[in-house]
């Protein structure tokens, strides 16, 4: 295995893991406000994402970020639930899980990792919509540090895909999409936005 592949894979995994540790701390002190539906979906489909992306790319080291993320996401989800930061999802929110289930069915029935991974990406991306809406109205609901690290991890994985390029453009969808999705959260919750809007909140 190419040494650069190992370096990039480990770097992405470390960035990803540290981001989850930071997020757990942010949640505990109240500087982040996680939603049950969003994190429930991410905890479930992150495992599918790691498995399908690894199968699709054919290189587990390129997918190391997602294997680390799947374990960390589940652990942080359980931690946030244990300390009372999450509530039971509404019936409407449960529908988000259907995309993850659909991805699992597609993978199992048709044995197509690429198709399942694209569905998984949609399932991962969907919860960001409501998060963007909340942060647009109130950037104080999140702290950007973890989201910056997740963005960087996705960019490193993107570089790793390019280093191991085999003419499969779908391999770029999840890392590039992940960088964009997390990057927008970082921007919407940035200190500059909080400063510009602080008079609206009277603080």
C-alpha atoms as a PDB file:
ATOM      1  CA  UNK A   1       0.000   0.000   0.000  1.00  0.00           C
ATOM      2  CA  UNK A   2       1.275   3.461  -0.922  1.00  0.00           C
ATOM      3  CA  UNK A   3       2.761   5.288   2.110  1.00  0.00           C
ATOM      4  CA  UNK A   4       0.934   8.490   1.195  1.00  0.00           C
ATOM      5  CA  UNK A   5      -2.358   6.579   1.257  1.00  0.00           C
ATOM      6  CA  UNK A   6      -1.624   5.436   4.811  1.00  0.00           C
ATOM      7  CA  UNK A   7      -0.607   8.923   5.956  1.00  0.00           C
ATOM      8  CA  UNK A   8      -3.698  10.526   4.448  1.00  0.00           C
ATOM      9  CA  UNK A   9      -5.989   7.799   5.771  1.00  0.00           C
ATOM     10  CA  UNK A  10      -4.676   8.030   9.322  1.00  0.00           C
ATOM     11  CA  UNK A  11      -4.738  11.845   9.227  1.00  0.00           C
ATOM     12  CA  UNK A  12      -8.368  11.914   8.105  1.00  0.00           C
ATOM     13  CA  UNK A  13      -9.330   9.346  10.742  1.00  0.00           C
ATOM     14  CA  UNK A  14      -7.615  11.308  13.522  1.00  0.00           C
ATOM     15  CA  UNK A  15      -9.247  14.590  12.479  1.00  0.00           C
ATOM     16  CA  UNK A  16     -12.605  12.851  12.336  1.00  0.00           C
ATOM     17  CA  UNK A  17     -12.197  11.233  15.738  1.00  0.00           C
ATOM     18  CA  UNK A  18     -10.997  14.394  17.485  1.00  0.00           C
ATOM     19  CA  UNK A  19     -13.958  16.297  16.025  1.00  0.00           C
ATOM     20  CA  UNK A  20     -16.365  13.864  17.700  1.00  0.00           C
ATOM     21  CA  UNK A  21     -14.592  14.238  21.040  1.00  0.00           C
ATOM     22  CA  UNK A  22     -14.859  18.017  20.745  1.00  0.00           C
ATOM     23  CA  UNK A  23     -18.513  17.787  19.807  1.00  0.00           C
ATOM     24  CA  UNK A  24     -19.298  15.622  22.824  1.00  0.00           C
ATOM     25  CA  UNK A  25     -17.705  18.269  25.034  1.00  0.00           C
ATOM     26  CA  UNK A  26     -19.520  21.099  23.237  1.00  0.00           C
ATOM     27  CA  UNK A  27     -22.820  19.323  23.756  1.00  0.00           C
ATOM     28  CA  UNK A  28     -22.146  18.774  27.450  1.00  0.00           C
ATOM     29  CA  UNK A  29     -21.417  22.465  28.083  1.00  0.00           C
ATOM     30  CA  UNK A  30     -24.327  23.591  25.907  1.00  0.00           C
ATOM     31  CA  UNK A  31     -22.432  25.256  23.062  1.00  0.00           C
ATOM     32  CA  UNK A  32     -23.931  22.794  20.563  1.00  0.00           C
ATOM     33  CA  UNK A  33     -27.597  21.812  20.288  1.00  0.00           C
ATOM     34  CA  UNK A  34     -27.874  18.394  18.593  1.00  0.00           C
ATOM     35  CA  UNK A  35     -31.161  17.085  17.210  1.00  0.00           C
ATOM     36  CA  UNK A  36     -32.253  13.522  17.926  1.00  0.00           C
ATOM     37  CA  UNK A  37     -33.394  12.828  14.381  1.00  0.00           C
ATOM     38  CA  UNK A  38     -30.200  14.132  12.793  1.00  0.00           C
ATOM     39  CA  UNK A  39     -27.842  12.245  15.065  1.00  0.00           C
ATOM     40  CA  UNK A  40     -30.012   9.148  15.041  1.00  0.00           C
ATOM     41  CA  UNK A  41     -29.829   9.020  11.263  1.00  0.00           C
ATOM     42  CA  UNK A  42     -26.085   9.735  11.231  1.00  0.00           C
ATOM     43  CA  UNK A  43     -25.381   7.053  13.850  1.00  0.00           C
ATOM     44  CA  UNK A  44     -27.308   4.461  11.827  1.00  0.00           C
ATOM     45  CA  UNK A  45     -26.218   5.260   8.289  1.00  0.00           C
ATOM     46  CA  UNK A  46     -22.587   6.095   9.156  1.00  0.00           C
ATOM     47  CA  UNK A  47     -21.972   2.358   9.518  1.00  0.00           C
ATOM     48  CA  UNK A  48     -23.518   1.704   6.114  1.00  0.00           C
ATOM     49  CA  UNK A  49     -21.515   4.572   4.673  1.00  0.00           C
ATOM     50  CA  UNK A  50     -18.209   3.110   5.884  1.00  0.00           C
ATOM     51  CA  UNK A  51     -19.021  -0.350   4.552  1.00  0.00           C
ATOM     52  CA  UNK A  52     -20.398   0.741   1.170  1.00  0.00           C
ATOM     53  CA  UNK A  53     -17.707   3.373   0.573  1.00  0.00           C
ATOM     54  CA  UNK A  54     -14.972   0.852   1.381  1.00  0.00           C
ATOM     55  CA  UNK A  55     -16.512  -1.702  -0.980  1.00  0.00           C
ATOM     56  CA  UNK A  56     -17.007   0.895  -3.693  1.00  0.00           C
ATOM     57  CA  UNK A  57     -13.482   2.339  -3.448  1.00  0.00           C
ATOM     58  CA  UNK A  58     -11.829  -1.033  -2.972  1.00  0.00           C
ATOM     59  CA  UNK A  59      -9.439   0.473  -0.408  1.00  0.00           C
ATOM     60  CA  UNK A  60     -10.197   0.304   3.313  1.00  0.00           C
ATOM     61  CA  UNK A  61      -7.460   2.820   4.111  1.00  0.00           C
ATOM     62  CA  UNK A  62      -9.151   5.448   1.938  1.00  0.00           C
ATOM     63  CA  UNK A  63     -12.334   4.718   3.880  1.00  0.00           C
ATOM     64  CA  UNK A  64     -10.609   4.807   7.295  1.00  0.00           C
ATOM     65  CA  UNK A  65     -12.161   8.189   8.115  1.00  0.00           C
ATOM     66  CA  UNK A  66     -15.622   6.695   7.756  1.00  0.00           C
ATOM     67  CA  UNK A  67     -14.873   3.581   9.819  1.00  0.00           C
ATOM     68  CA  UNK A  68     -13.557   5.820  12.603  1.00  0.00           C
ATOM     69  CA  UNK A  69     -16.556   8.103  12.177  1.00  0.00           C
ATOM     70  CA  UNK A  70     -19.100   5.291  12.336  1.00  0.00           C
ATOM     71  CA  UNK A  71     -17.805   4.089  15.715  1.00  0.00           C
ATOM     72  CA  UNK A  72     -17.371   7.618  17.084  1.00  0.00           C
ATOM     73  CA  UNK A  73     -20.789   8.753  15.840  1.00  0.00           C
ATOM     74  CA  UNK A  74     -22.584   5.881  17.558  1.00  0.00           C
ATOM     75  CA  UNK A  75     -20.663   6.438  20.801  1.00  0.00           C
ATOM     76  CA  UNK A  76     -21.318  10.193  20.819  1.00  0.00           C
ATOM     77  CA  UNK A  77     -24.987   9.602  19.998  1.00  0.00           C
ATOM     78  CA  UNK A  78     -25.314   7.224  22.965  1.00  0.00           C
ATOM     79  CA  UNK A  79     -23.397   9.654  25.193  1.00  0.00           C
ATOM     80  CA  UNK A  80     -25.629  12.586  24.274  1.00  0.00           C
ATOM     81  CA  UNK A  81     -28.698  10.447  24.889  1.00  0.00           C
ATOM     82  CA  UNK A  82     -27.338   9.316  28.273  1.00  0.00           C
ATOM     83  CA  UNK A  83     -26.747  12.883  29.495  1.00  0.00           C
ATOM     84  CA  UNK A  84     -30.214  13.961  28.400  1.00  0.00           C
ATOM     85  CA  UNK A  85     -29.268  16.158  25.441  1.00  0.00           C
ATOM     86  CA  UNK A  86     -31.493  14.242  23.011  1.00  0.00           C
ATOM     87  CA  UNK A  87     -35.224  13.543  23.001  1.00  0.00           C
ATOM     88  CA  UNK A  88     -37.227  10.818  21.286  1.00  0.00           C
ATOM     89  CA  UNK A  89     -37.715  11.650  17.564  1.00  0.00           C
ATOM     90  CA  UNK A  90     -41.162  12.554  16.281  1.00  0.00           C
ATOM     91  CA  UNK A  91     -42.983  10.274  13.789  1.00  0.00           C
ATOM     92  CA  UNK A  92     -42.050  12.681  10.991  1.00  0.00           C
ATOM     93  CA  UNK A  93     -38.380  12.505  11.955  1.00  0.00           C
ATOM     94  CA  UNK A  94     -38.435   8.702  11.865  1.00  0.00           C
ATOM     95  CA  UNK A  95     -38.978   8.903   8.101  1.00  0.00           C
ATOM     96  CA  UNK A  96     -35.363   9.921   7.712  1.00  0.00           C
ATOM     97  CA  UNK A  97     -34.349   6.439   8.775  1.00  0.00           C
ATOM     98  CA  UNK A  98     -36.150   4.987   5.752  1.00  0.00           C
ATOM     99  CA  UNK A  99     -33.371   6.202   3.443  1.00  0.00           C
ATOM    100  CA  UNK A 100     -30.782   4.300   5.439  1.00  0.00           C
ATOM    101  CA  UNK A 101     -32.945   1.190   5.418  1.00  0.00           C
ATOM    102  CA  UNK A 102     -33.454   1.578   1.673  1.00  0.00           C
ATOM    103  CA  UNK A 103     -29.690   1.763   1.169  1.00  0.00           C
ATOM    104  CA  UNK A 104     -29.215  -1.456   3.128  1.00  0.00           C
ATOM    105  CA  UNK A 105     -31.873  -3.196   1.012  1.00  0.00           C
ATOM    106  CA  UNK A 106     -30.333  -1.977  -2.246  1.00  0.00           C
ATOM    107  CA  UNK A 107     -26.916  -3.218  -1.181  1.00  0.00           C
ATOM    108  CA  UNK A 108     -28.256  -6.582  -0.014  1.00  0.00           C
ATOM    109  CA  UNK A 109     -30.566  -7.291  -2.953  1.00  0.00           C
ATOM    110  CA  UNK A 110     -28.613  -5.816  -5.866  1.00  0.00           C
ATOM    111  CA  UNK A 111     -25.098  -6.127  -4.405  1.00  0.00           C
ATOM    112  CA  UNK A 112     -24.271  -2.642  -5.655  1.00  0.00           C
ATOM    113  CA  UNK A 113     -22.115  -0.742  -3.188  1.00  0.00           C
ATOM    114  CA  UNK A 114     -22.073   2.381  -5.372  1.00  0.00           C
ATOM    115  CA  UNK A 115     -25.866   2.633  -5.558  1.00  0.00           C
ATOM    116  CA  UNK A 116     -26.243   1.996  -1.840  1.00  0.00           C
ATOM    117  CA  UNK A 117     -23.542   4.552  -1.034  1.00  0.00           C
ATOM    118  CA  UNK A 118     -25.319   7.247  -3.049  1.00  0.00           C
ATOM    119  CA  UNK A 119     -28.545   6.574  -1.122  1.00  0.00           C
ATOM    120  CA  UNK A 120     -26.555   6.644   2.113  1.00  0.00           C
ATOM    121  CA  UNK A 121     -25.137  10.031   1.146  1.00  0.00           C
ATOM    122  CA  UNK A 122     -28.657  11.392   0.605  1.00  0.00           C
ATOM    123  CA  UNK A 123     -29.614  10.047   4.033  1.00  0.00           C
ATOM    124  CA  UNK A 124     -26.558  11.700   5.580  1.00  0.00           C
ATOM    125  CA  UNK A 125     -27.182  15.004   3.811  1.00  0.00           C
ATOM    126  CA  UNK A 126     -30.928  15.361   4.462  1.00  0.00           C
ATOM    127  CA  UNK A 127     -30.693  16.271   8.196  1.00  0.00           C
ATOM    128  CA  UNK A 128     -28.394  19.161   7.337  1.00  0.00           C
ATOM    129  CA  UNK A 129     -31.310  21.055   5.762  1.00  0.00           C
ATOM    130  CA  UNK A 130     -33.092  21.695   9.053  1.00  0.00           C
ATOM    131  CA  UNK A 131     -29.751  22.456  10.706  1.00  0.00           C
ATOM    132  CA  UNK A 132     -28.997  25.143   8.123  1.00  0.00           C
ATOM    133  CA  UNK A 133     -32.417  26.701   8.710  1.00  0.00           C
ATOM    134  CA  UNK A 134     -31.866  26.848  12.470  1.00  0.00           C
ATOM    135  CA  UNK A 135     -28.344  28.221  12.173  1.00  0.00           C
ATOM    136  CA  UNK A 136     -29.426  30.846   9.674  1.00  0.00           C
ATOM    137  CA  UNK A 137     -31.843  32.151  12.297  1.00  0.00           C
ATOM    138  CA  UNK A 138     -29.566  31.616  15.300  1.00  0.00           C
ATOM    139  CA  UNK A 139     -25.843  30.797  14.806  1.00  0.00           C
ATOM    140  CA  UNK A 140     -25.442  30.294  18.555  1.00  0.00           C
ATOM    141  CA  UNK A 141     -26.886  26.796  18.271  1.00  0.00           C
ATOM    142  CA  UNK A 142     -23.527  25.435  17.133  1.00  0.00           C
ATOM    143  CA  UNK A 143     -19.800  25.952  17.663  1.00  0.00           C
ATOM    144  CA  UNK A 144     -17.717  25.687  14.462  1.00  0.00           C
ATOM    145  CA  UNK A 145     -14.627  23.876  15.791  1.00  0.00           C
ATOM    146  CA  UNK A 146     -15.835  20.306  15.288  1.00  0.00           C
ATOM    147  CA  UNK A 147     -17.395  21.145  11.942  1.00  0.00           C
ATOM    148  CA  UNK A 148     -14.106  22.635  10.707  1.00  0.00           C
ATOM    149  CA  UNK A 149     -12.273  19.427  11.648  1.00  0.00           C
ATOM    150  CA  UNK A 150     -14.911  17.283   9.911  1.00  0.00           C
ATOM    151  CA  UNK A 151     -14.520  19.463   6.833  1.00  0.00           C
ATOM    152  CA  UNK A 152     -10.750  19.055   6.866  1.00  0.00           C
ATOM    153  CA  UNK A 153     -11.065  15.284   7.331  1.00  0.00           C
ATOM    154  CA  UNK A 154     -13.303  15.060   4.273  1.00  0.00           C
ATOM    155  CA  UNK A 155     -10.860  17.139   2.236  1.00  0.00           C
ATOM    156  CA  UNK A 156      -7.996  14.834   3.244  1.00  0.00           C
ATOM    157  CA  UNK A 157     -10.068  11.809   2.215  1.00  0.00           C
ATOM    158  CA  UNK A 158     -10.814  13.544  -1.089  1.00  0.00           C
ATOM    159  CA  UNK A 159      -7.066  13.861  -1.626  1.00  0.00           C
ATOM    160  CA  UNK A 160      -6.666  10.179  -0.798  1.00  0.00           C
ATOM    161  CA  UNK A 161      -9.272   9.212  -3.387  1.00  0.00           C
ATOM    162  CA  UNK A 162      -7.388  11.265  -5.979  1.00  0.00           C
ATOM    163  CA  UNK A 163      -4.057   9.694  -4.995  1.00  0.00           C
ATOM    164  CA  UNK A 164      -5.638   6.265  -5.536  1.00  0.00           C
ATOM    165  CA  UNK A 165      -7.646   7.329  -8.588  1.00  0.00           C
ATOM    166  CA  UNK A 166      -9.110   4.471 -10.610  1.00  0.00           C
ATOM    167  CA  UNK A 167     -11.440   6.434 -12.846  1.00  0.00           C
ATOM    168  CA  UNK A 168     -14.427   6.180 -10.476  1.00  0.00           C
ATOM    169  CA  UNK A 169     -15.959   9.653 -10.057  1.00  0.00           C
ATOM    170  CA  UNK A 170     -18.635   8.380  -7.633  1.00  0.00           C
ATOM    171  CA  UNK A 171     -15.866   7.827  -5.085  1.00  0.00           C
ATOM    172  CA  UNK A 172     -15.560  11.618  -4.821  1.00  0.00           C
ATOM    173  CA  UNK A 173     -19.231  12.277  -4.027  1.00  0.00           C
ATOM    174  CA  UNK A 174     -19.170  11.429  -0.314  1.00  0.00           C
ATOM    175  CA  UNK A 175     -15.871  13.121   0.679  1.00  0.00           C
ATOM    176  CA  UNK A 176     -16.470  16.259  -1.392  1.00  0.00           C
ATOM    177  CA  UNK A 177     -20.114  16.382  -0.360  1.00  0.00           C
ATOM    178  CA  UNK A 178     -19.133  15.842   3.263  1.00  0.00           C
ATOM    179  CA  UNK A 179     -16.649  18.706   3.132  1.00  0.00           C
ATOM    180  CA  UNK A 180     -19.307  21.007   1.689  1.00  0.00           C
ATOM    181  CA  UNK A 181     -22.049  19.975   4.146  1.00  0.00           C
ATOM    182  CA  UNK A 182     -19.868  20.353   7.228  1.00  0.00           C
ATOM    183  CA  UNK A 183     -18.199  23.485   5.913  1.00  0.00           C
ATOM    184  CA  UNK A 184     -21.531  25.281   5.578  1.00  0.00           C
ATOM    185  CA  UNK A 185     -22.333  24.507   9.227  1.00  0.00           C
ATOM    186  CA  UNK A 186     -18.950  25.935  10.236  1.00  0.00           C
ATOM    187  CA  UNK A 187     -19.642  29.122   8.280  1.00  0.00           C
ATOM    188  CA  UNK A 188     -23.209  29.539   9.550  1.00  0.00           C
ATOM    189  CA  UNK A 189     -22.061  29.141  13.161  1.00  0.00           C
ATOM    190  CA  UNK A 190     -18.944  31.279  12.813  1.00  0.00           C
ATOM    191  CA  UNK A 191     -18.012  33.940  15.325  1.00  0.00           C
ATOM    192  CA  UNK A 192     -18.384  36.662  12.705  1.00  0.00           C
ATOM    193  CA  UNK A 193     -22.048  35.718  12.101  1.00  0.00           C
ATOM    194  CA  UNK A 194     -22.686  35.644  15.830  1.00  0.00           C
ATOM    195  CA  UNK A 195     -21.159  39.098  16.171  1.00  0.00           C
ATOM    196  CA  UNK A 196     -23.212  40.515  13.291  1.00  0.00           C
ATOM    197  CA  UNK A 197     -26.427  39.139  14.716  1.00  0.00           C
ATOM    198  CA  UNK A 198     -25.762  39.681  18.415  1.00  0.00           C
ATOM    199  CA  UNK A 199     -27.955  42.790  18.599  1.00  0.00           C
ATOM    200  CA  UNK A 200     -30.888  40.771  17.329  1.00  0.00           C
ATOM    201  CA  UNK A 201     -30.559  38.526  20.367  1.00  0.00           C
ATOM    202  CA  UNK A 202     -30.028  41.393  22.767  1.00  0.00           C
ATOM    203  CA  UNK A 203     -26.663  40.137  24.032  1.00  0.00           C
END
